[in-house]
Protein backbone atom coordinates (compact mmCIF):
# COMPACT_ATOMS: atom_id res chain seq x y z
CA UNK A 1 -7.38 94.14 -24.95
CA UNK A 2 -7.16 96.25 -28.09
CA UNK A 3 -5.83 94.63 -31.25
CA UNK A 4 -3.81 97.07 -33.35
CA UNK A 5 -3.48 96.32 -37.07
CA UNK A 6 -0.74 98.56 -38.49
CA UNK A 7 -0.45 99.21 -42.24
CA UNK A 8 2.42 101.33 -43.55
CA UNK A 9 2.28 103.52 -46.61
CA UNK A 10 3.75 103.17 -50.09
CA UNK A 11 7.02 101.22 -50.44
CA UNK A 12 7.01 99.79 -46.89
CA UNK A 13 5.98 96.58 -45.17
CA UNK A 14 5.32 95.44 -41.61
CA UNK A 15 8.98 96.09 -40.75
CA UNK A 16 8.40 99.86 -40.78
CA UNK A 17 6.54 99.66 -37.44
CA UNK A 18 9.50 98.10 -35.60
CA UNK A 19 10.01 101.01 -33.20
CA UNK A 20 6.28 101.53 -32.51
CA UNK A 21 5.32 97.92 -31.74
CA UNK A 22 7.16 97.57 -28.38
CA UNK A 23 5.34 100.57 -26.89
CA UNK A 24 1.93 99.15 -27.78
CA UNK A 25 2.76 95.66 -26.53
CA UNK A 26 4.19 97.07 -23.29
CA UNK A 27 0.76 98.59 -22.67
CA UNK A 28 -0.77 95.12 -22.89
CA UNK A 29 -2.27 95.19 -26.36
CA UNK A 30 -2.11 92.88 -29.35
CA UNK A 31 -0.14 94.29 -32.27
CA UNK A 32 -0.26 93.00 -35.84
CA UNK A 33 1.88 94.88 -38.41
CA UNK A 34 0.77 93.90 -41.91
CA UNK A 35 2.66 93.81 -45.19
CA UNK A 36 0.41 94.44 -48.18
CA UNK A 37 0.63 92.33 -51.35
CA UNK A 38 3.49 93.25 -53.68
CA UNK A 39 5.66 94.90 -51.01
CA UNK A 40 8.64 93.91 -48.83
CA UNK A 41 8.61 90.13 -48.31
CA UNK A 42 5.56 89.90 -50.60
CA UNK A 43 7.30 91.48 -53.61
CA UNK A 44 6.19 90.07 -56.93
CA UNK A 45 2.60 89.38 -55.90
CA UNK A 46 0.10 91.00 -58.25
CA UNK A 47 -1.86 93.73 -56.49
CA UNK A 48 -4.52 96.29 -57.25
CA UNK A 49 -6.13 98.58 -54.72
CA UNK A 50 -8.90 96.12 -53.88
CA UNK A 51 -6.21 93.48 -53.26
CA UNK A 52 -4.86 95.70 -50.51
CA UNK A 53 -8.32 96.25 -49.05
CA UNK A 54 -8.82 92.50 -48.94
CA UNK A 55 -5.37 92.00 -47.41
CA UNK A 56 -6.50 94.01 -44.40
CA UNK A 57 -9.91 92.37 -44.06
CA UNK A 58 -8.42 88.90 -44.46
CA UNK A 59 -5.80 89.52 -41.75
CA UNK A 60 -8.42 90.59 -39.22
CA UNK A 61 -10.65 87.63 -40.03
CA UNK A 62 -7.79 85.10 -40.21
CA UNK A 63 -6.62 86.05 -36.72
CA UNK A 64 -10.17 86.30 -35.38
CA UNK A 65 -9.53 89.81 -34.08
CA UNK A 66 -12.08 91.96 -32.30
CA UNK A 67 -11.80 95.42 -30.71
CA UNK A 68 -9.59 96.37 -33.67
CA UNK A 69 -7.84 99.71 -33.98
CA UNK A 70 -6.95 99.86 -37.65
CA UNK A 71 -4.04 102.16 -38.51
CA UNK A 72 -3.22 103.37 -42.02
CA UNK A 73 -0.25 105.55 -42.90
CA UNK A 74 0.05 107.68 -46.06
CA UNK A 75 -1.18 105.73 -49.14
CA UNK A 76 -2.53 102.98 -46.89
CA UNK A 77 -5.23 105.26 -45.54
CA UNK A 78 -7.06 104.53 -48.79
CA UNK A 79 -7.31 100.72 -48.44
CA UNK A 80 -7.59 100.97 -44.64
CA UNK A 81 -10.58 103.32 -44.89
CA UNK A 82 -12.34 100.91 -47.21
CA UNK A 83 -11.46 97.86 -45.11
CA UNK A 84 -12.74 99.58 -41.96
CA UNK A 85 -16.23 99.75 -43.46
CA UNK A 86 -16.17 95.99 -44.04
CA UNK A 87 -15.11 94.92 -40.55
CA UNK A 88 -18.48 95.53 -38.92
CA UNK A 89 -18.49 95.14 -35.15
CA UNK A 90 -14.87 93.93 -35.14
CA UNK A 91 -13.79 97.57 -35.57
CA UNK A 92 -13.28 99.84 -32.57
CA UNK A 93 -11.49 102.82 -34.18
CA UNK A 94 -9.51 103.90 -37.25
CA UNK A 95 -6.36 106.02 -37.17
CA UNK A 96 -5.20 107.74 -40.35
CA UNK A 97 -1.55 108.74 -39.95
CA UNK A 98 -0.71 111.70 -42.23
CA UNK A 99 -2.60 109.75 -44.85
CA UNK A 100 -4.73 110.02 -47.91
CA UNK A 101 -8.37 109.12 -47.36
CA UNK A 102 -10.55 107.18 -49.79
CA UNK A 103 -13.28 108.84 -51.84
CA UNK A 104 -15.71 106.66 -53.73
CA UNK A 105 -14.67 106.39 -57.38
CA UNK A 106 -11.38 108.23 -56.81
CA UNK A 107 -7.84 106.85 -56.76
CA UNK A 108 -4.67 107.75 -54.88
CA UNK A 109 -3.38 109.77 -57.83
CA UNK A 110 -6.73 111.59 -58.09
CA UNK A 111 -5.72 113.40 -54.93
CA UNK A 112 -2.49 114.59 -56.55
CA UNK A 113 -3.76 116.83 -59.36
CA UNK A 114 -0.41 118.58 -59.73
CA UNK A 115 1.67 115.42 -59.46
CA UNK A 116 -0.59 112.83 -61.06
CA UNK A 117 1.06 112.89 -64.47
CA UNK A 118 4.51 112.49 -62.94
CA UNK A 119 3.46 109.51 -60.80
CA UNK A 120 1.74 107.81 -63.72
CA UNK A 121 4.74 108.40 -65.98
CA UNK A 122 7.08 106.99 -63.35
CA UNK A 123 4.92 103.87 -62.98
CA UNK A 124 4.87 103.38 -66.75
CA UNK A 125 8.64 103.80 -66.99
CA UNK A 126 9.30 101.23 -64.25
CA UNK A 127 7.26 98.28 -65.44
CA UNK A 128 4.11 99.10 -63.51
CA UNK A 129 5.88 99.90 -60.24
CA UNK A 130 6.34 103.22 -58.42
CA UNK A 131 10.01 103.48 -57.40
CA UNK A 132 10.92 104.43 -53.81
CA UNK A 133 11.88 108.01 -52.98
CA UNK A 134 15.42 109.34 -53.02
CA UNK A 135 17.13 110.66 -49.86
CA UNK A 136 16.45 114.23 -51.01
CA UNK A 137 12.71 113.51 -50.93
CA UNK A 138 12.99 112.85 -47.18
CA UNK A 139 14.60 116.18 -46.30
CA UNK A 140 12.81 118.47 -43.86
CA UNK A 141 10.78 115.64 -42.35
CA UNK A 142 12.40 115.40 -38.94
CA UNK A 143 14.55 112.40 -39.86
CA UNK A 144 18.24 111.89 -39.11
CA UNK A 145 20.63 110.42 -41.66
CA UNK A 146 20.51 107.00 -40.00
CA UNK A 147 16.71 106.99 -39.98
CA UNK A 148 16.57 107.96 -43.66
CA UNK A 149 19.08 105.26 -44.56
CA UNK A 150 17.14 102.57 -42.66
CA UNK A 151 13.86 103.68 -44.16
CA UNK A 152 15.10 103.69 -47.75
CA UNK A 153 17.18 100.52 -47.40
CA UNK A 154 13.98 98.65 -46.59
CA UNK A 155 11.81 100.33 -49.22
CA UNK A 156 10.61 98.33 -52.23
CA UNK A 157 8.88 99.49 -55.43
CA UNK A 158 5.13 99.92 -54.97
CA UNK A 159 2.54 98.19 -57.22
CA UNK A 160 1.32 100.93 -59.53
CA UNK A 161 -2.22 99.61 -60.00
CA UNK A 162 -2.96 100.21 -56.32
CA UNK A 163 -2.38 103.92 -56.91
CA UNK A 164 -4.49 104.32 -60.04
CA UNK A 165 -7.52 102.12 -59.32
CA UNK A 166 -10.56 103.81 -57.70
CA UNK A 167 -11.77 103.33 -54.16
CA UNK A 168 -15.17 101.76 -53.44
CA UNK A 169 -17.11 103.02 -50.42
CA UNK A 170 -20.52 101.79 -49.35
CA UNK A 171 -21.27 104.64 -46.94
CA UNK A 172 -19.86 108.04 -45.97
CA UNK A 173 -16.39 107.81 -44.47
CA UNK A 174 -17.35 110.37 -41.82
CA UNK A 175 -19.49 107.73 -40.10
CA UNK A 176 -16.39 105.83 -38.99
CA UNK A 177 -14.98 106.51 -35.49
CA UNK A 178 -11.63 107.96 -36.49
CA UNK A 179 -8.56 109.92 -35.50
CA UNK A 180 -6.56 111.81 -38.11
CA UNK A 181 -2.90 112.37 -37.23
CA UNK A 182 -1.45 115.36 -39.07
CA UNK A 183 2.35 115.69 -39.13
CA UNK A 184 3.09 119.38 -39.12
CA UNK A 185 6.44 119.32 -40.91
CA UNK A 186 4.68 117.68 -43.84
CA UNK A 187 1.55 119.82 -43.95
CA UNK A 188 0.42 122.68 -41.69
CA UNK A 189 -3.28 122.29 -42.48
CA UNK A 190 -5.49 119.29 -43.27
CA UNK A 191 -6.40 118.67 -46.88
CA UNK A 192 -9.91 119.79 -47.94
CA UNK A 193 -11.10 116.16 -47.90
CA UNK A 194 -9.84 115.62 -44.35
CA UNK A 195 -11.14 119.01 -43.18
CA UNK A 196 -14.61 118.04 -44.38
CA UNK A 197 -14.44 114.69 -42.55
CA UNK A 198 -13.39 116.44 -39.34
CA UNK A 199 -16.78 118.21 -39.29
CA UNK A 200 -18.62 114.88 -39.05
CA UNK A 201 -18.52 114.74 -35.25
CA UNK A 202 -16.91 111.28 -35.27
CA UNK A 203 -13.42 112.33 -36.39
CA UNK A 204 -10.76 113.92 -34.20
CA UNK A 205 -7.61 115.76 -35.31
CA UNK A 206 -4.29 115.16 -33.53
CA UNK A 207 -1.02 116.81 -34.53
CA UNK A 208 2.59 115.69 -34.20
CA UNK A 209 5.58 118.03 -34.47
CA UNK A 210 7.35 115.86 -37.02
CA UNK A 211 7.32 114.86 -40.67
CA UNK A 212 5.53 112.37 -42.87
CA UNK A 213 7.11 109.19 -41.44
CA UNK A 214 6.51 109.42 -37.66
CA UNK A 215 7.03 105.67 -37.14
CA UNK A 216 10.70 106.44 -37.82
CA UNK A 217 11.06 109.98 -36.49
CA UNK A 218 8.79 109.88 -33.40
CA UNK A 219 7.77 106.26 -32.70
CA UNK A 220 7.11 106.79 -28.99
CA UNK A 221 4.93 109.82 -29.61
CA UNK A 222 3.03 108.05 -32.38
CA UNK A 223 2.46 105.06 -30.11
CA UNK A 224 1.00 107.44 -27.52
CA UNK A 225 -1.49 108.75 -30.06
CA UNK A 226 -2.47 105.19 -30.99
CA UNK A 227 -2.97 104.26 -27.34
CA UNK A 228 -5.18 107.31 -26.85
CA UNK A 229 -7.22 106.20 -29.88
CA UNK A 230 -7.61 102.75 -28.34
CA UNK A 231 -9.15 104.39 -25.30
CA UNK A 232 -11.66 106.19 -27.49
CA UNK A 233 -12.62 102.90 -29.12
CA UNK A 234 -13.19 101.18 -25.78
């Protein structure tokens, strides 16, 4: 039985996977959505990027999980990619859902050269937290009004230090068995970093005809991709 550990991106907690979880459990697998420190029900907890890496590792070890498919969405691809390296033989596969990927010595904002100053200024202006997006930021992403409202009603400010601290990798990320899920309404082509990883021979590209938050817009289809990834990790 595969054990899925699901980690949502910036501003969201375990609750964001609500519509995906039933499909995975119906297929007979264990499912463990995780809220990272400082978010959702864990608001107020101090968190840097390595805190989030350790959150993931600790959850897997606390539950004694093996045959783990580790799933990181958006920002969470960065801590998930680092945690995956530290899980050893507990790890079966990693799925990066329309996510950033870690690069040793680089931060989340490093990958946003055009937007870095704006993100850092927003964090500074909001007491070290990155405020959630506005409804207009969700336009064109395959979401209905009700989905946008539910998504943003649950969003909480994101700990800024997790976005500005550098990643730490012990070996090339391309050595991980991985699937990258690209959401075509968000980006039509993989980023240069992801494109390079896809040449490693251990990474596979899958596309979804939806936007950046497929756990809200296409939960059944996303669950299907995750189940396919579980088969690859078997």
